[in-house]
Amino acid sequence: MLYMRQTPRMMRPVPKEDQSAHTISQRLRTLKKIPAELIPLGVVLAVAVGAAFFSMGRKLYTDKTLRLKRQGD
């Protein structure tokens, strides 16, 4: 007779993870573990990615010679 049975892995409790924070405040507390030397690098990287998206969006919005559709349509 066939019946459903738990596998041995499913019988054990789930291990507690370091990244299992549930609230925003708990997640913000984990940011304190980031070394201080990496914060300026993160700011520069965020500005660069923001400038890239701004530049790309501006090019798509203002360039009238850019083909966005097929020629025959």
PDB file of N, CA and C in Angstrom:
ATOM      1  N   MET A   1       0.841  -1.179   0.000  1.00  0.00           N
ATOM      2  CA  MET A   1       0.000   0.000   0.000  1.00  0.00           C
ATOM      3  C   MET A   1       0.895   1.254   0.000  1.00  0.00           C
ATOM      4  N   LEU A   2       0.553   2.236  -0.813  1.00  0.00           N
ATOM      5  CA  LEU A   2       1.338   3.464  -0.910  1.00  0.00           C
ATOM      6  C   LEU A   2       0.843   4.503   0.086  1.00  0.00           C
ATOM      7  N   TYR A   3       1.770   5.167   0.736  1.00  0.00           N
ATOM      8  CA  TYR A   3       1.409   6.255   1.632  1.00  0.00           C
ATOM      9  C   TYR A   3       2.549   7.270   1.660  1.00  0.00           C
ATOM     10  N   MET A   4       2.231   8.496   2.055  1.00  0.00           N
ATOM     11  CA  MET A   4       3.212   9.576   2.104  1.00  0.00           C
ATOM     12  C   MET A   4       3.988   9.495   3.413  1.00  0.00           C
ATOM     13  N   ARG A   5       5.306   9.632   3.309  1.00  0.00           N
ATOM     14  CA  ARG A   5       6.158   9.561   4.482  1.00  0.00           C
ATOM     15  C   ARG A   5       7.203  10.667   4.400  1.00  0.00           C
ATOM     16  N   GLN A   6       7.536  11.276   5.519  1.00  0.00           N
ATOM     17  CA  GLN A   6       8.547  12.326   5.526  1.00  0.00           C
ATOM     18  C   GLN A   6       9.922  11.729   5.274  1.00  0.00           C
ATOM     19  N   THR A   7      10.711  12.491   4.528  1.00  0.00           N
ATOM     20  CA  THR A   7      12.088  12.066   4.339  1.00  0.00           C
ATOM     21  C   THR A   7      12.874  12.396   5.602  1.00  0.00           C
ATOM     22  N   PRO A   8      13.998  11.730   5.845  1.00  0.00           N
ATOM     23  CA  PRO A   8      14.774  12.025   7.063  1.00  0.00           C
ATOM     24  C   PRO A   8      15.204  13.490   7.148  1.00  0.00           C
ATOM     25  N   ARG A   9      15.477  14.113   5.991  1.00  0.00           N
ATOM     26  CA  ARG A   9      15.886  15.520   6.014  1.00  0.00           C
ATOM     27  C   ARG A   9      14.760  16.420   6.496  1.00  0.00           C
ATOM     28  N   MET A  10      13.526  16.089   6.143  1.00  0.00           N
ATOM     29  CA  MET A  10      12.394  16.926   6.534  1.00  0.00           C
ATOM     30  C   MET A  10      12.012  16.722   7.999  1.00  0.00           C
ATOM     31  N   MET A  11      12.481  15.665   8.614  1.00  0.00           N
ATOM     32  CA  MET A  11      12.149  15.406  10.014  1.00  0.00           C
ATOM     33  C   MET A  11      12.931  16.312  10.955  1.00  0.00           C
ATOM     34  N   ARG A  12      14.120  16.746  10.523  1.00  0.00           N
ATOM     35  CA  ARG A  12      14.947  17.610  11.364  1.00  0.00           C
ATOM     36  C   ARG A  12      14.446  19.050  11.318  1.00  0.00           C
ATOM     37  N   PRO A  13      14.639  19.814  12.393  1.00  0.00           N
ATOM     38  CA  PRO A  13      14.220  21.227  12.357  1.00  0.00           C
ATOM     39  C   PRO A  13      15.093  22.032  11.392  1.00  0.00           C
ATOM     40  N   VAL A  14      14.529  23.106  10.907  1.00  0.00           N
ATOM     41  CA  VAL A  14      15.252  23.969   9.976  1.00  0.00           C
ATOM     42  C   VAL A  14      16.326  24.731  10.744  1.00  0.00           C
ATOM     43  N   PRO A  15      17.580  24.728  10.250  1.00  0.00           N
ATOM     44  CA  PRO A  15      18.634  25.454  10.979  1.00  0.00           C
ATOM     45  C   PRO A  15      18.410  26.960  10.926  1.00  0.00           C
ATOM     46  N   LYS A  16      18.807  27.630  11.987  1.00  0.00           N
ATOM     47  CA  LYS A  16      18.672  29.083  12.071  1.00  0.00           C
ATOM     48  C   LYS A  16      19.735  29.738  11.193  1.00  0.00           C
ATOM     49  N   GLU A  17      19.313  30.657  10.325  1.00  0.00           N
ATOM     50  CA  GLU A  17      20.231  31.337   9.425  1.00  0.00           C
ATOM     51  C   GLU A  17      20.576  32.723   9.954  1.00  0.00           C
ATOM     52  N   ASP A  18      21.750  33.245   9.532  1.00  0.00           N
ATOM     53  CA  ASP A  18      22.148  34.591   9.947  1.00  0.00           C
ATOM     54  C   ASP A  18      21.287  35.651   9.283  1.00  0.00           C
ATOM     55  N   GLN A  19      20.823  35.387   8.064  1.00  0.00           N
ATOM     56  CA  GLN A  19      20.067  36.381   7.303  1.00  0.00           C
ATOM     57  C   GLN A  19      18.557  36.200   7.461  1.00  0.00           C
ATOM     58  N   SER A  20      18.110  35.636   8.554  1.00  0.00           N
ATOM     59  CA  SER A  20      16.691  35.368   8.716  1.00  0.00           C
ATOM     60  C   SER A  20      15.966  36.482   9.475  1.00  0.00           C
ATOM     61  N   ALA A  21      16.450  37.708   9.386  1.00  0.00           N
ATOM     62  CA  ALA A  21      15.794  38.833  10.055  1.00  0.00           C
ATOM     63  C   ALA A  21      14.441  39.093   9.415  1.00  0.00           C
ATOM     64  N   HIS A  22      13.451  39.406  10.222  1.00  0.00           N
ATOM     65  CA  HIS A  22      12.100  39.559   9.707  1.00  0.00           C
ATOM     66  C   HIS A  22      11.647  41.003   9.585  1.00  0.00           C
ATOM     67  N   THR A  23      12.229  41.894  10.340  1.00  0.00           N
ATOM     68  CA  THR A  23      11.785  43.283  10.281  1.00  0.00           C
ATOM     69  C   THR A  23      12.884  44.154   9.689  1.00  0.00           C
ATOM     70  N   ILE A  24      12.492  45.325   9.256  1.00  0.00           N
ATOM     71  CA  ILE A  24      13.456  46.252   8.651  1.00  0.00           C
ATOM     72  C   ILE A  24      14.499  46.672   9.671  1.00  0.00           C
ATOM     73  N   SER A  25      14.082  46.916  10.903  1.00  0.00           N
ATOM     74  CA  SER A  25      15.046  47.351  11.913  1.00  0.00           C
ATOM     75  C   SER A  25      16.084  46.266  12.193  1.00  0.00           C
ATOM     76  N   GLN A  26      15.668  45.007  12.159  1.00  0.00           N
ATOM     77  CA  GLN A  26      16.630  43.924  12.354  1.00  0.00           C
ATOM     78  C   GLN A  26      17.597  43.845  11.179  1.00  0.00           C
ATOM     79  N   ARG A  27      17.093  44.093   9.972  1.00  0.00           N
ATOM     80  CA  ARG A  27      17.973  44.072   8.803  1.00  0.00           C
ATOM     81  C   ARG A  27      18.944  45.255   8.833  1.00  0.00           C
ATOM     82  N   LEU A  28      18.487  46.416   9.319  1.00  0.00           N
ATOM     83  CA  LEU A  28      19.375  47.574   9.408  1.00  0.00           C
ATOM     84  C   LEU A  28      20.488  47.341  10.426  1.00  0.00           C
ATOM     85  N   ARG A  29      20.196  46.569  11.466  1.00  0.00           N
ATOM     86  CA  ARG A  29      21.231  46.267  12.455  1.00  0.00           C
ATOM     87  C   ARG A  29      22.345  45.431  11.844  1.00  0.00           C
ATOM     88  N   THR A  30      22.020  44.622  10.841  1.00  0.00           N
ATOM     89  CA  THR A  30      23.060  43.805  10.210  1.00  0.00           C
ATOM     90  C   THR A  30      23.997  44.664   9.356  1.00  0.00           C
ATOM     91  N   LEU A  31      23.559  45.876   8.971  1.00  0.00           N
ATOM     92  CA  LEU A  31      24.428  46.759   8.202  1.00  0.00           C
ATOM     93  C   LEU A  31      25.620  47.254   9.017  1.00  0.00           C
ATOM     94  N   LYS A  32      25.515  47.192  10.333  1.00  0.00           N
ATOM     95  CA  LYS A  32      26.625  47.616  11.185  1.00  0.00           C
ATOM     96  C   LYS A  32      27.817  46.681  11.056  1.00  0.00           C
ATOM     97  N   LYS A  33      27.598  45.495  10.511  1.00  0.00           N
ATOM     98  CA  LYS A  33      28.687  44.535  10.342  1.00  0.00           C
ATOM     99  C   LYS A  33      29.544  44.852   9.120  1.00  0.00           C
ATOM    100  N   ILE A  34      29.078  45.765   8.256  1.00  0.00           N
ATOM    101  CA  ILE A  34      29.836  46.135   7.065  1.00  0.00           C
ATOM    102  C   ILE A  34      31.031  46.986   7.485  1.00  0.00           C
ATOM    103  N   PRO A  35      32.234  46.657   7.000  1.00  0.00           N
ATOM    104  CA  PRO A  35      33.406  47.470   7.355  1.00  0.00           C
ATOM    105  C   PRO A  35      33.255  48.913   6.870  1.00  0.00           C
ATOM    106  N   ALA A  36      33.759  49.838   7.645  1.00  0.00           N
ATOM    107  CA  ALA A  36      33.621  51.262   7.333  1.00  0.00           C
ATOM    108  C   ALA A  36      34.317  51.633   6.031  1.00  0.00           C
ATOM    109  N   GLU A  37      35.331  50.867   5.641  1.00  0.00           N
ATOM    110  CA  GLU A  37      36.063  51.178   4.412  1.00  0.00           C
ATOM    111  C   GLU A  37      35.224  50.923   3.160  1.00  0.00           C
ATOM    112  N   LEU A  38      34.196  50.090   3.273  1.00  0.00           N
ATOM    113  CA  LEU A  38      33.383  49.756   2.103  1.00  0.00           C
ATOM    114  C   LEU A  38      32.220  50.720   1.874  1.00  0.00           C
ATOM    115  N   ILE A  39      31.906  51.540   2.845  1.00  0.00           N
ATOM    116  CA  ILE A  39      30.774  52.464   2.698  1.00  0.00           C
ATOM    117  C   ILE A  39      31.035  53.509   1.609  1.00  0.00           C
ATOM    118  N   PRO A  40      32.198  54.164   1.534  1.00  0.00           N
ATOM    119  CA  PRO A  40      32.427  55.108   0.426  1.00  0.00           C
ATOM    120  C   PRO A  40      32.402  54.414  -0.935  1.00  0.00           C
ATOM    121  N   LEU A  41      32.885  53.188  -0.999  1.00  0.00           N
ATOM    122  CA  LEU A  41      32.837  52.441  -2.251  1.00  0.00           C
ATOM    123  C   LEU A  41      31.392  52.192  -2.671  1.00  0.00           C
ATOM    124  N   GLY A  42      30.547  51.860  -1.719  1.00  0.00           N
ATOM    125  CA  GLY A  42      29.128  51.652  -2.015  1.00  0.00           C
ATOM    126  C   GLY A  42      28.450  52.922  -2.487  1.00  0.00           C
ATOM    127  N   VAL A  43      28.807  54.059  -1.889  1.00  0.00           N
ATOM    128  CA  VAL A  43      28.218  55.339  -2.300  1.00  0.00           C
ATOM    129  C   VAL A  43      28.641  55.676  -3.727  1.00  0.00           C
ATOM    130  N   VAL A  44      29.918  55.512  -4.032  1.00  0.00           N
ATOM    131  CA  VAL A  44      30.408  55.799  -5.387  1.00  0.00           C
ATOM    132  C   VAL A  44      29.755  54.876  -6.400  1.00  0.00           C
ATOM    133  N   LEU A  45      29.607  53.612  -6.060  1.00  0.00           N
ATOM    134  CA  LEU A  45      28.976  52.656  -6.957  1.00  0.00           C
ATOM    135  C   LEU A  45      27.500  53.001  -7.183  1.00  0.00           C
ATOM    136  N   ALA A  46      26.809  53.410  -6.139  1.00  0.00           N
ATOM    137  CA  ALA A  46      25.405  53.792  -6.267  1.00  0.00           C
ATOM    138  C   ALA A  46      25.247  55.028  -7.152  1.00  0.00           C
ATOM    139  N   VAL A  47      26.126  56.016  -7.001  1.00  0.00           N
ATOM    140  CA  VAL A  47      26.082  57.216  -7.840  1.00  0.00           C
ATOM    141  C   VAL A  47      26.361  56.852  -9.295  1.00  0.00           C
ATOM    142  N   ALA A  48      27.323  55.965  -9.534  1.00  0.00           N
ATOM    143  CA  ALA A  48      27.662  55.564 -10.905  1.00  0.00           C
ATOM    144  C   ALA A  48      26.500  54.832 -11.571  1.00  0.00           C
ATOM    145  N   VAL A  49      25.853  53.935 -10.846  1.00  0.00           N
ATOM    146  CA  VAL A  49      24.712  53.204 -11.410  1.00  0.00           C
ATOM    147  C   VAL A  49      23.542  54.162 -11.645  1.00  0.00           C
ATOM    148  N   GLY A  50      23.313  55.088 -10.732  1.00  0.00           N
ATOM    149  CA  GLY A  50      22.265  56.082 -10.915  1.00  0.00           C
ATOM    150  C   GLY A  50      22.510  56.968 -12.126  1.00  0.00           C
ATOM    151  N   ALA A  51      23.775  57.404 -12.300  1.00  0.00           N
ATOM    152  CA  ALA A  51      24.116  58.235 -13.454  1.00  0.00           C
ATOM    153  C   ALA A  51      23.957  57.450 -14.755  1.00  0.00           C
ATOM    154  N   ALA A  52      24.282  56.167 -14.735  1.00  0.00           N
ATOM    155  CA  ALA A  52      24.131  55.347 -15.935  1.00  0.00           C
ATOM    156  C   ALA A  52      22.664  55.221 -16.327  1.00  0.00           C
ATOM    157  N   PHE A  53      21.793  54.974 -15.350  1.00  0.00           N
ATOM    158  CA  PHE A  53      20.359  54.882 -15.654  1.00  0.00           C
ATOM    159  C   PHE A  53      19.807  56.221 -16.120  1.00  0.00           C
ATOM    160  N   PHE A  54      20.253  57.317 -15.503  1.00  0.00           N
ATOM    161  CA  PHE A  54      19.805  58.642 -15.924  1.00  0.00           C
ATOM    162  C   PHE A  54      20.230  58.917 -17.362  1.00  0.00           C
ATOM    163  N   SER A  55      21.484  58.620 -17.670  1.00  0.00           N
ATOM    164  CA  SER A  55      22.005  58.862 -19.009  1.00  0.00           C
ATOM    165  C   SER A  55      21.285  58.011 -20.045  1.00  0.00           C
ATOM    166  N   MET A  56      21.056  56.749 -19.727  1.00  0.00           N
ATOM    167  CA  MET A  56      20.364  55.859 -20.656  1.00  0.00           C
ATOM    168  C   MET A  56      18.920  56.322 -20.875  1.00  0.00           C
ATOM    169  N   GLY A  57      18.242  56.690 -19.811  1.00  0.00           N
ATOM    170  CA  GLY A  57      16.869  57.163 -19.939  1.00  0.00           C
ATOM    171  C   GLY A  57      16.770  58.458 -20.722  1.00  0.00           C
ATOM    172  N   ARG A  58      17.703  59.346 -20.472  1.00  0.00           N
ATOM    173  CA  ARG A  58      17.701  60.622 -21.194  1.00  0.00           C
ATOM    174  C   ARG A  58      17.960  60.405 -22.681  1.00  0.00           C
ATOM    175  N   LYS A  59      18.866  59.495 -23.009  1.00  0.00           N
ATOM    176  CA  LYS A  59      19.166  59.194 -24.411  1.00  0.00           C
ATOM    177  C   LYS A  59      17.932  58.611 -25.108  1.00  0.00           C
ATOM    178  N   LEU A  60      17.254  57.688 -24.455  1.00  0.00           N
ATOM    179  CA  LEU A  60      16.066  57.081 -25.054  1.00  0.00           C
ATOM    180  C   LEU A  60      14.926  58.087 -25.199  1.00  0.00           C
ATOM    181  N   TYR A  61      14.841  59.032 -24.288  1.00  0.00           N
ATOM    182  CA  TYR A  61      13.738  59.991 -24.311  1.00  0.00           C
ATOM    183  C   TYR A  61      13.971  61.134 -25.289  1.00  0.00           C
ATOM    184  N   THR A  62      15.212  61.607 -25.434  1.00  0.00           N
ATOM    185  CA  THR A  62      15.459  62.820 -26.216  1.00  0.00           C
ATOM    186  C   THR A  62      15.961  62.570 -27.631  1.00  0.00           C
ATOM    187  N   ASP A  63      16.563  61.402 -27.912  1.00  0.00           N
ATOM    188  CA  ASP A  63      17.142  61.153 -29.232  1.00  0.00           C
ATOM    189  C   ASP A  63      16.043  60.758 -30.217  1.00  0.00           C
ATOM    190  N   LYS A  64      15.758  61.640 -31.159  1.00  0.00           N
ATOM    191  CA  LYS A  64      14.697  61.391 -32.137  1.00  0.00           C
ATOM    192  C   LYS A  64      15.173  60.501 -33.285  1.00  0.00           C
ATOM    193  N   THR A  65      16.495  60.355 -33.459  1.00  0.00           N
ATOM    194  CA  THR A  65      17.007  59.529 -34.548  1.00  0.00           C
ATOM    195  C   THR A  65      17.157  58.065 -34.138  1.00  0.00           C
ATOM    196  N   LEU A  66      16.926  57.764 -32.897  1.00  0.00           N
ATOM    197  CA  LEU A  66      17.052  56.397 -32.399  1.00  0.00           C
ATOM    198  C   LEU A  66      15.858  55.570 -32.858  1.00  0.00           C
ATOM    199  N   ARG A  67      16.115  54.435 -33.491  1.00  0.00           N
ATOM    200  CA  ARG A  67      15.030  53.562 -33.947  1.00  0.00           C
ATOM    201  C   ARG A  67      14.573  52.683 -32.798  1.00  0.00           C
ATOM    202  N   LEU A  68      13.328  52.806 -32.416  1.00  0.00           N
ATOM    203  CA  LEU A  68      12.774  51.985 -31.352  1.00  0.00           C
ATOM    204  C   LEU A  68      11.824  50.935 -31.899  1.00  0.00           C
ATOM    205  N   LYS A  69      11.477  51.019 -33.185  1.00  0.00           N
ATOM    206  CA  LYS A  69      10.595  50.064 -33.842  1.00  0.00           C
ATOM    207  C   LYS A  69      11.230  49.607 -35.153  1.00  0.00           C
ATOM    208  N   ARG A  70      10.693  48.578 -35.753  1.00  0.00           N
ATOM    209  CA  ARG A  70      11.178  48.113 -37.042  1.00  0.00           C
ATOM    210  C   ARG A  70      10.875  49.139 -38.121  1.00  0.00           C
ATOM    211  N   GLN A  71      11.659  49.097 -39.165  1.00  0.00           N
ATOM    212  CA  GLN A  71      11.509  50.073 -40.241  1.00  0.00           C
ATOM    213  C   GLN A  71      10.177  49.926 -40.977  1.00  0.00           C
ATOM    214  N   GLY A  72       9.716  48.673 -41.190  1.00  0.00           N
ATOM    215  CA  GLY A  72       8.508  48.444 -41.975  1.00  0.00           C
ATOM    216  C   GLY A  72       7.210  48.744 -41.254  1.00  0.00           C
ATOM    217  N   ASP A  73       7.234  48.870 -39.960  1.00  0.00           N
ATOM    218  CA  ASP A  73       5.980  49.071 -39.189  1.00  0.00           C
ATOM    219  C   ASP A  73       5.482  50.481 -39.224  1.00  0.00           C
TER     220      ASP A  73
END
